[in-house]
Amino acid sequence: MIHGILLPCLIVLVAVQGIRGLNNGLALTPPMGWLAWQRYRCITDCETYPDECVSEQLFMKAADLLVSEGYAAAGYNYVIVDDCWLAKTRSADGKLQADEKRFPNGIKALSDYVHSKGLKFGLYEDWGNKTCAGYPGVLGHEETDAKTFAEWEVDYVKLDGCYSNVRLMDKGYPEFGKHLNNTGRPMVYSCSWPAYQEEKGMLINYASMAKHCNLWRNYDDIDDSWDSMIKIADYFALKQEFWAKFAGPGHWNDPDMLLIGNFGLSYEQSKTQMAIWAILAAPLLMSNKLSDVRPEFKAILQNKEVIKVNQDRLGIQGTRVFKDKGIDIWTRPIEPVRNGHFSYAVAFVNRRVDGAPYAYNITLQDLGLTNNEGYTIQNLYDQENGLFCFNTLKTLVKVRVIPSGVVFLRINVESSKCDQDTTKKKYVFI
């Protein structure tokens, strides 16, 4: 029974919320914003690709669109520059410098522009001799580079791990974090530390990571495809008993960027990624061409109820609790909590990529719910369907899930909304 699988996971998740994260007061909910890498990679030929090359114009336009298209209002407030912004060499005095053709006004001017829009500015570097694309890394210049980021008024630092000694990361990443903190400038610290050690099969010190980083990449880079996205979700499920212990306010596991609005995911698959990332309490970092995102995909990215799940203040990372007949069920404890009973976000994911929609039935009791006084059930992708209210744990929830799609529910513990009329039915079809 799912009931027997779910409850041990929840006990572990709730018990570990005392793990302390990086003491900088930042990222108390998963960061949200826009990051260049997945969509734009390392395009530096601005003559051939003027609208897609990594340049100050690309990031200024992204900042403009985050505001004008309503993303900033929905919570996406970081504009993050990834690899390939740098000049090939440092300046004469040993400082990092931007490519002067693509960033003629420099990084501080770009940071100022992003801030003028009411947004926050993020910047990429690498704890190694070189970045992944071959530009100067921070190794040997850690204190200088941290001070430079502070001078440029950077709000978010993503530190990659190419061209570095993987076995020294346990020391190097925390040291760079201390340099960032010593500047006095509040900067969210995103580490790539575990992804490189995971690749080598090393034992990873996640307790140290939660102490020194605000978020960290655990696994492979995401590619623009359903296969890549679901592979990452599966790996998170494989490691969830351990990884979920270390997630919480100020310190998050990061399954990588949102693909929604690009080429690889269908409409239904895009809803699936958004739901799983919300369950995982994952950073919501879009990597797309904001000017080309179609309205239906924009609606997924700006779905207020799904974002509310992702940003839940309890900060408990959810888990996959069941696999059956091609359906994965993911759950996450969320607010409100009443008399010791959690509310839940529940995602039914259809792993099949073809065929007819699949019908699946399960009771509230089998989902691990224990409050006898009542729950309201809301379909987060079909809010016109309204709220369903039941005060019996044997209520049967019937869902019908489209291939490679999702039914995403919020199940609130809420007795006051349940009355005789709404509780007579013994099942709800969603």
Protein backbone atom coordinates (compact mmCIF):
# COMPACT_ATOMS: atom_id res chain seq x y z
CA MET A 1 0.00 0.00 0.00
CA ILE A 2 1.12 3.54 -0.69
CA HIS A 3 0.22 4.44 2.90
CA GLY A 4 3.01 2.24 4.16
CA ILE A 5 5.54 3.75 1.75
CA LEU A 6 4.66 7.37 2.31
CA LEU A 7 4.70 7.80 6.06
CA PRO A 8 8.34 6.81 6.75
CA CYS A 9 9.43 9.37 4.13
CA LEU A 10 7.44 12.12 5.83
CA ILE A 11 8.82 11.32 9.26
CA VAL A 12 12.36 11.70 7.93
CA LEU A 13 11.55 14.92 6.10
CA VAL A 14 9.95 16.61 9.07
CA ALA A 15 12.62 15.47 11.49
CA VAL A 16 15.52 16.97 9.54
CA GLN A 17 14.20 20.50 9.25
CA GLY A 18 16.57 21.46 12.03
CA ILE A 19 19.57 21.25 9.66
CA ARG A 20 21.04 24.72 9.48
CA GLY A 21 21.86 26.30 6.15
CA LEU A 22 24.24 29.02 5.05
CA ASN A 23 23.84 31.87 7.51
CA ASN A 24 23.36 34.71 5.04
CA GLY A 25 19.59 35.07 5.39
CA LEU A 26 19.04 34.49 1.65
CA ALA A 27 17.03 32.03 -0.46
CA LEU A 28 14.58 31.23 2.34
CA THR A 29 12.36 29.96 -0.47
CA PRO A 30 13.75 28.49 -3.71
CA PRO A 31 15.20 31.23 -5.97
CA MET A 32 13.18 32.16 -9.05
CA GLY A 33 14.43 33.87 -12.17
CA TRP A 34 15.91 33.51 -15.64
CA LEU A 35 19.26 31.95 -16.54
CA ALA A 36 20.86 32.02 -19.97
CA TRP A 37 22.66 28.68 -20.33
CA GLN A 38 20.15 26.09 -21.54
CA ARG A 39 18.67 28.32 -24.25
CA TYR A 40 21.74 30.29 -25.34
CA ARG A 41 24.73 28.19 -24.26
CA CYS A 42 27.95 29.87 -25.45
CA ILE A 43 26.82 31.74 -28.57
CA THR A 44 29.37 34.53 -28.99
CA ASP A 45 28.97 35.33 -32.69
CA CYS A 46 26.86 38.47 -32.43
CA GLU A 47 27.09 39.26 -36.13
CA THR A 48 25.46 35.99 -37.17
CA TYR A 49 23.15 35.67 -34.16
CA PRO A 50 22.51 39.21 -32.95
CA ASP A 51 19.44 38.24 -30.90
CA GLU A 52 20.95 35.14 -29.33
CA CYS A 53 24.58 35.87 -28.55
CA VAL A 54 25.75 36.18 -24.95
CA SER A 55 25.90 39.96 -24.63
CA GLU A 56 24.69 42.81 -22.47
CA GLN A 57 21.79 43.31 -24.87
CA LEU A 58 20.56 39.76 -24.26
CA PHE A 59 20.39 40.27 -20.51
CA MET A 60 18.96 43.77 -20.67
CA LYS A 61 16.18 42.47 -22.91
CA ALA A 62 15.57 39.57 -20.53
CA ALA A 63 15.24 42.04 -17.64
CA ASP A 64 12.80 44.14 -19.67
CA LEU A 65 10.66 41.11 -20.52
CA LEU A 66 10.63 39.70 -17.01
CA VAL A 67 8.93 42.91 -15.97
CA SER A 68 6.72 43.66 -18.99
CA GLU A 69 5.48 40.07 -19.39
CA GLY A 70 4.50 39.65 -15.75
CA TYR A 71 7.21 37.18 -14.71
CA ALA A 72 8.69 39.52 -12.11
CA ALA A 73 5.27 40.01 -10.55
CA ALA A 74 4.95 36.21 -10.34
CA GLY A 75 8.25 35.98 -8.41
CA TYR A 76 10.93 35.53 -11.11
CA ASN A 77 13.31 38.22 -9.92
CA TYR A 78 16.84 37.04 -10.82
CA VAL A 79 18.56 37.68 -14.17
CA ILE A 80 21.56 35.35 -14.21
CA VAL A 81 24.48 35.51 -16.65
CA ASP A 82 26.05 32.11 -17.30
CA ASP A 83 29.36 31.12 -18.94
CA CYS A 84 31.06 33.00 -21.82
CA TRP A 85 30.63 36.56 -20.53
CA LEU A 86 34.33 36.91 -19.81
CA ALA A 87 37.30 38.19 -21.73
CA LYS A 88 39.89 35.51 -22.46
CA THR A 89 42.35 37.07 -20.00
CA ARG A 90 42.23 38.99 -16.75
CA SER A 91 43.03 42.70 -16.60
CA ALA A 92 46.55 43.99 -15.99
CA ASP A 93 45.85 44.16 -12.25
CA GLY A 94 44.56 40.58 -12.17
CA LYS A 95 40.83 41.24 -12.07
CA LEU A 96 38.08 39.54 -14.03
CA GLN A 97 36.78 41.52 -16.98
CA ALA A 98 33.94 41.11 -19.43
CA ASP A 99 34.39 40.66 -23.18
CA GLU A 100 34.61 44.28 -24.32
CA LYS A 101 32.80 43.74 -27.63
CA ARG A 102 29.80 41.94 -26.22
CA PHE A 103 29.69 43.82 -22.91
CA PRO A 104 31.06 47.25 -23.90
CA ASN A 105 29.69 48.97 -20.80
CA GLY A 106 31.01 46.37 -18.36
CA ILE A 107 29.31 44.18 -15.79
CA LYS A 108 28.63 46.94 -13.26
CA ALA A 109 26.57 48.84 -15.82
CA LEU A 110 24.60 45.69 -16.63
CA SER A 111 24.05 45.04 -12.93
CA ASP A 112 22.81 48.62 -12.51
CA TYR A 113 20.38 48.18 -15.40
CA VAL A 114 18.94 44.98 -13.94
CA HIS A 115 18.58 46.65 -10.55
CA SER A 116 16.85 49.64 -12.16
CA LYS A 117 14.08 47.23 -13.18
CA GLY A 118 13.56 46.14 -9.59
CA LEU A 119 15.30 42.80 -10.26
CA LYS A 120 18.39 41.04 -8.90
CA PHE A 121 21.56 40.25 -10.83
CA GLY A 122 23.40 36.92 -10.99
CA LEU A 123 26.79 36.01 -12.44
CA TYR A 124 28.60 32.78 -13.32
CA GLU A 125 32.13 31.70 -12.51
CA ASP A 126 34.03 28.47 -11.95
CA TRP A 127 36.05 27.03 -9.07
CA GLY A 128 38.85 25.97 -11.36
CA ASN A 129 41.60 27.28 -13.61
CA LYS A 130 39.07 27.86 -16.36
CA THR A 131 35.32 27.96 -16.81
CA CYS A 132 33.72 25.08 -18.69
CA ALA A 133 33.97 27.14 -21.92
CA GLY A 134 37.64 27.97 -21.31
CA TYR A 135 37.48 31.47 -19.81
CA PRO A 136 39.40 32.48 -16.64
CA GLY A 137 38.29 30.68 -13.47
CA VAL A 138 38.55 31.88 -9.88
CA LEU A 139 41.21 29.44 -8.67
CA GLY A 140 44.07 31.41 -7.17
CA HIS A 141 42.05 34.64 -7.23
CA GLU A 142 39.20 33.76 -4.86
CA GLU A 143 39.36 36.76 -2.55
CA THR A 144 39.89 39.24 -5.37
CA ASP A 145 37.02 37.82 -7.40
CA ALA A 146 34.62 37.81 -4.45
CA LYS A 147 35.44 41.47 -3.85
CA THR A 148 34.95 42.19 -7.56
CA PHE A 149 31.49 40.61 -7.48
CA ALA A 150 30.61 42.78 -4.50
CA GLU A 151 31.88 45.90 -6.31
CA TRP A 152 29.68 44.99 -9.27
CA GLU A 153 26.72 44.58 -6.87
CA VAL A 154 26.11 40.97 -7.82
CA ASP A 155 23.21 39.34 -5.93
CA TYR A 156 23.68 35.70 -6.97
CA VAL A 157 26.85 33.75 -7.77
CA LYS A 158 26.77 30.46 -9.66
CA LEU A 159 30.09 28.65 -9.21
CA ASP A 160 30.75 25.78 -11.63
CA GLY A 161 33.42 23.09 -11.24
CA CYS A 162 35.19 22.47 -14.56
CA TYR A 163 39.02 22.29 -14.68
CA SER A 164 39.28 21.76 -10.93
CA ASN A 165 40.38 19.08 -8.49
CA VAL A 166 37.17 17.31 -7.50
CA ARG A 167 38.71 15.99 -4.29
CA LEU A 168 39.51 19.50 -3.08
CA MET A 169 36.00 20.86 -3.60
CA ASP A 170 35.03 20.05 0.00
CA LYS A 171 37.48 22.75 1.04
CA GLY A 172 37.42 25.08 -1.94
CA TYR A 173 33.69 25.76 -2.23
CA PRO A 174 33.26 26.64 1.48
CA GLU A 175 36.31 28.91 1.32
CA PHE A 176 34.91 30.83 -1.62
CA GLY A 177 31.59 31.15 0.20
CA LYS A 178 33.43 32.70 3.14
CA HIS A 179 35.07 35.20 0.79
CA LEU A 180 31.64 36.14 -0.52
CA ASN A 181 30.29 36.60 3.00
CA ASN A 182 33.34 38.62 4.03
CA THR A 183 32.53 41.25 1.41
CA GLY A 184 29.39 42.21 3.33
CA ARG A 185 27.38 42.04 0.10
CA PRO A 186 24.37 39.65 0.30
CA MET A 187 24.93 37.13 -2.50
CA VAL A 188 23.03 33.88 -3.01
CA TYR A 189 25.64 31.15 -3.44
CA SER A 190 24.88 28.39 -5.97
CA CYS A 191 27.40 25.53 -5.89
CA SER A 192 28.06 22.83 -8.49
CA TRP A 193 30.13 20.86 -6.02
CA PRO A 194 28.02 17.67 -5.69
CA ALA A 195 27.33 17.21 -9.42
CA TYR A 196 31.03 16.70 -10.09
CA GLN A 197 31.55 14.41 -7.10
CA GLU A 198 28.41 12.42 -7.93
CA GLU A 199 29.84 11.84 -11.41
CA LYS A 200 32.96 10.33 -9.81
CA GLY A 201 30.97 8.17 -7.40
CA MET A 202 32.42 9.96 -4.38
CA LEU A 203 30.91 10.19 -0.91
CA ILE A 204 29.46 13.71 -0.73
CA ASN A 205 29.32 15.80 2.43
CA TYR A 206 25.82 17.25 2.09
CA ALA A 207 25.80 18.53 5.67
CA SER A 208 28.74 20.78 4.81
CA MET A 209 27.06 21.80 1.58
CA ALA A 210 23.89 22.84 3.39
CA LYS A 211 26.06 24.86 5.76
CA HIS A 212 28.05 26.66 3.06
CA CYS A 213 25.78 26.93 -0.01
CA ASN A 214 22.28 28.27 -0.64
CA LEU A 215 21.65 25.77 -3.42
CA TRP A 216 23.60 23.14 -5.28
CA ARG A 217 23.42 21.19 -8.50
CA ASN A 218 23.20 17.49 -7.68
CA TYR A 219 23.35 15.81 -11.05
CA ASP A 220 23.66 16.11 -14.84
CA ASP A 221 23.00 19.25 -16.85
CA ILE A 222 19.45 19.23 -18.14
CA ASP A 223 18.94 19.03 -21.92
CA ASP A 224 15.91 20.28 -23.80
CA SER A 225 13.99 17.00 -23.88
CA TRP A 226 11.45 14.92 -21.98
CA ASP A 227 14.02 12.11 -21.65
CA SER A 228 16.52 14.40 -19.92
CA MET A 229 13.94 15.94 -17.62
CA ILE A 230 12.44 12.62 -16.52
CA LYS A 231 15.91 11.10 -16.11
CA ILE A 232 16.76 13.83 -13.60
CA ALA A 233 13.44 13.35 -11.80
CA ASP A 234 14.12 9.60 -11.58
CA TYR A 235 17.59 10.21 -10.15
CA PHE A 236 16.17 12.56 -7.54
CA ALA A 237 13.67 9.84 -6.61
CA LEU A 238 16.50 7.30 -6.37
CA LYS A 239 18.46 9.54 -3.99
CA GLN A 240 15.52 11.15 -2.19
CA GLU A 241 15.86 9.37 1.15
CA PHE A 242 19.24 11.04 1.56
CA TRP A 243 19.06 14.24 -0.48
CA ALA A 244 15.75 15.50 0.87
CA LYS A 245 17.20 15.65 4.39
CA PHE A 246 19.36 18.60 3.44
CA ALA A 247 16.81 20.79 1.69
CA GLY A 248 15.07 23.61 3.52
CA PRO A 249 14.89 27.40 3.87
CA GLY A 250 18.23 28.81 2.73
CA HIS A 251 19.61 25.55 1.30
CA TRP A 252 18.10 23.69 -1.67
CA ASN A 253 18.77 20.77 -3.98
CA ASP A 254 18.79 21.97 -7.60
CA PRO A 255 17.65 19.66 -10.44
CA ASP A 256 18.59 22.38 -12.97
CA MET A 257 16.67 24.76 -15.21
CA LEU A 258 13.08 24.90 -16.39
CA LEU A 259 12.81 23.97 -20.08
CA ILE A 260 9.29 25.37 -20.46
CA GLY A 261 8.85 27.59 -23.51
CA ASN A 262 11.73 26.05 -25.49
CA PHE A 263 11.69 23.30 -28.12
CA GLY A 264 11.82 19.96 -26.30
CA LEU A 265 8.73 19.73 -24.09
CA SER A 266 5.13 19.57 -25.20
CA TYR A 267 2.43 21.52 -23.40
CA GLU A 268 1.54 18.56 -21.16
CA GLN A 269 5.19 17.71 -20.51
CA SER A 270 5.83 21.32 -19.54
CA LYS A 271 3.08 21.12 -16.92
CA THR A 272 4.73 17.94 -15.67
CA GLN A 273 8.13 19.57 -15.20
CA MET A 274 6.59 22.52 -13.38
CA ALA A 275 4.69 20.19 -11.05
CA ILE A 276 7.68 17.97 -10.22
CA TRP A 277 9.94 20.98 -9.66
CA ALA A 278 7.29 22.44 -7.32
CA ILE A 279 7.14 19.17 -5.38
CA LEU A 280 10.95 19.07 -5.14
CA ALA A 281 11.12 22.63 -3.76
CA ALA A 282 13.49 23.25 -6.68
CA PRO A 283 14.78 26.64 -7.80
CA LEU A 284 12.59 27.88 -10.65
CA LEU A 285 15.13 29.23 -13.11
CA MET A 286 13.74 29.57 -16.61
CA SER A 287 16.09 29.28 -19.56
CA ASN A 288 14.13 30.26 -22.64
CA LYS A 289 13.66 33.03 -25.17
CA LEU A 290 11.19 35.12 -23.22
CA SER A 291 9.96 37.01 -26.27
CA ASP A 292 8.93 33.73 -27.96
CA VAL A 293 7.18 31.95 -25.09
CA ARG A 294 3.66 31.15 -26.27
CA PRO A 295 0.74 32.15 -24.04
CA GLU A 296 -0.12 28.61 -22.96
CA PHE A 297 3.45 28.00 -21.78
CA LYS A 298 3.61 31.41 -20.14
CA ALA A 299 0.48 30.45 -18.19
CA ILE A 300 2.28 27.36 -16.85
CA LEU A 301 5.29 29.38 -15.76
CA GLN A 302 3.12 32.01 -14.09
CA ASN A 303 0.59 29.65 -12.51
CA LYS A 304 0.19 31.30 -9.10
CA GLU A 305 -1.08 28.19 -7.32
CA VAL A 306 1.80 26.01 -8.54
CA ILE A 307 4.33 28.70 -7.63
CA LYS A 308 2.71 28.90 -4.19
CA VAL A 309 3.48 25.19 -3.71
CA ASN A 310 7.07 25.67 -4.83
CA GLN A 311 7.53 28.65 -2.51
CA ASP A 312 5.86 27.02 0.50
CA ARG A 313 7.42 28.40 3.66
CA LEU A 314 7.83 25.01 5.36
CA GLY A 315 10.53 24.28 2.80
CA ILE A 316 10.08 20.50 2.91
CA GLN A 317 11.32 18.76 -0.22
CA GLY A 318 8.75 16.32 -1.55
CA THR A 319 9.36 12.79 -2.77
CA ARG A 320 8.08 10.19 -5.19
CA VAL A 321 6.03 7.87 -3.01
CA PHE A 322 4.59 5.40 -5.48
CA LYS A 323 5.04 3.87 -8.94
CA ASP A 324 2.21 1.82 -10.41
CA LYS A 325 1.05 0.98 -13.94
CA GLY A 326 3.04 3.78 -15.53
CA ILE A 327 1.87 6.37 -12.98
CA ASP A 328 4.31 8.06 -10.59
CA ILE A 329 2.85 9.79 -7.54
CA TRP A 330 4.85 12.64 -5.98
CA THR A 331 3.81 14.32 -2.73
CA ARG A 332 5.02 17.22 -0.65
CA PRO A 333 3.88 18.35 2.83
CA ILE A 334 2.87 22.02 2.72
CA GLU A 335 0.98 24.65 4.67
CA PRO A 336 -1.52 24.93 6.22
CA VAL A 337 -0.81 22.57 9.11
CA ARG A 338 -3.67 22.02 11.57
CA ASN A 339 -3.51 19.97 14.75
CA GLY A 340 -0.39 18.23 13.54
CA HIS A 341 -1.84 17.36 10.13
CA PHE A 342 -0.06 18.60 7.01
CA SER A 343 -1.67 19.72 3.81
CA TYR A 344 -0.18 18.17 0.66
CA ALA A 345 0.68 18.83 -2.93
CA VAL A 346 0.17 15.64 -4.95
CA ALA A 347 1.28 15.11 -8.56
CA PHE A 348 0.10 12.11 -10.63
CA VAL A 349 2.57 11.78 -13.52
CA ASN A 350 1.88 9.53 -16.52
CA ARG A 351 5.20 8.06 -17.69
CA ARG A 352 3.71 6.86 -20.95
CA VAL A 353 4.39 9.01 -24.02
CA ASP A 354 1.65 7.56 -26.22
CA GLY A 355 -1.76 5.94 -26.01
CA ALA A 356 -4.96 7.16 -24.38
CA PRO A 357 -5.22 9.09 -21.10
CA TYR A 358 -4.86 6.69 -18.18
CA ALA A 359 -7.41 6.53 -15.36
CA TYR A 360 -6.07 5.98 -11.85
CA ASN A 361 -7.97 5.65 -8.55
CA ILE A 362 -6.66 6.07 -5.01
CA THR A 363 -8.14 6.95 -1.62
CA LEU A 364 -7.10 9.86 0.57
CA GLN A 365 -6.10 7.32 3.18
CA ASP A 366 -3.79 5.54 0.75
CA LEU A 367 -2.18 8.89 0.00
CA GLY A 368 -1.14 9.01 3.64
CA LEU A 369 -3.69 11.59 4.78
CA THR A 370 -4.80 11.21 8.39
CA ASN A 371 -7.11 14.12 9.26
CA ASN A 372 -10.65 12.77 9.81
CA GLU A 373 -12.22 16.23 9.94
CA GLY A 374 -11.85 17.04 6.26
CA TYR A 375 -9.77 18.13 3.28
CA THR A 376 -10.34 20.40 0.33
CA ILE A 377 -8.97 19.21 -3.00
CA GLN A 378 -8.03 21.66 -5.72
CA ASN A 379 -6.81 20.88 -9.24
CA LEU A 380 -3.99 23.37 -9.75
CA TYR A 381 -4.08 23.16 -13.56
CA ASP A 382 -7.86 23.25 -13.80
CA GLN A 383 -8.90 25.78 -11.21
CA GLU A 384 -12.29 26.35 -12.86
CA ASN A 385 -13.12 22.85 -11.67
CA GLY A 386 -13.43 24.36 -8.17
CA LEU A 387 -12.81 22.90 -4.74
CA PHE A 388 -13.91 19.44 -3.67
CA CYS A 389 -14.40 18.86 0.03
CA PHE A 390 -14.49 15.54 1.91
CA ASN A 391 -14.35 14.46 5.53
CA THR A 392 -13.77 10.76 5.05
CA LEU A 393 -10.33 9.31 4.41
CA LYS A 394 -11.90 6.57 2.30
CA THR A 395 -12.92 9.11 -0.33
CA LEU A 396 -11.78 7.81 -3.70
CA VAL A 397 -9.89 10.27 -5.88
CA LYS A 398 -10.24 9.36 -9.56
CA VAL A 399 -7.74 11.02 -11.89
CA ARG A 400 -7.30 10.72 -15.65
CA VAL A 401 -3.76 11.56 -16.75
CA ILE A 402 -2.75 12.41 -20.32
CA PRO A 403 0.36 10.62 -21.71
CA SER A 404 3.54 12.31 -20.39
CA GLY A 405 1.19 14.65 -18.54
CA VAL A 406 0.22 15.35 -14.95
CA VAL A 407 -2.73 15.91 -12.65
CA PHE A 408 -1.52 18.24 -9.91
CA LEU A 409 -3.59 18.60 -6.75
CA ARG A 410 -3.41 20.69 -3.63
CA ILE A 411 -5.06 18.86 -0.72
CA ASN A 412 -5.58 21.24 2.19
CA VAL A 413 -6.42 20.13 5.68
CA GLU A 414 -9.49 22.30 6.23
CA SER A 415 -12.51 21.20 8.25
CA SER A 416 -14.40 24.50 8.21
CA LYS A 417 -15.24 24.23 4.49
CA CYS A 418 -16.72 20.75 4.75
CA ASP A 419 -20.47 20.48 5.34
CA GLN A 420 -23.06 17.76 4.90
CA ASP A 421 -23.85 18.60 1.27
CA THR A 422 -20.23 18.49 0.10
CA THR A 423 -19.30 15.27 1.89
CA LYS A 424 -22.06 12.94 0.71
CA LYS A 425 -20.17 11.79 -2.38
CA LYS A 426 -17.77 8.93 -1.90
CA TYR A 427 -15.49 9.81 -4.78
CA VAL A 428 -14.29 12.81 -6.78
CA PHE A 429 -13.37 12.66 -10.46
CA ILE A 430 -10.57 15.05 -11.40
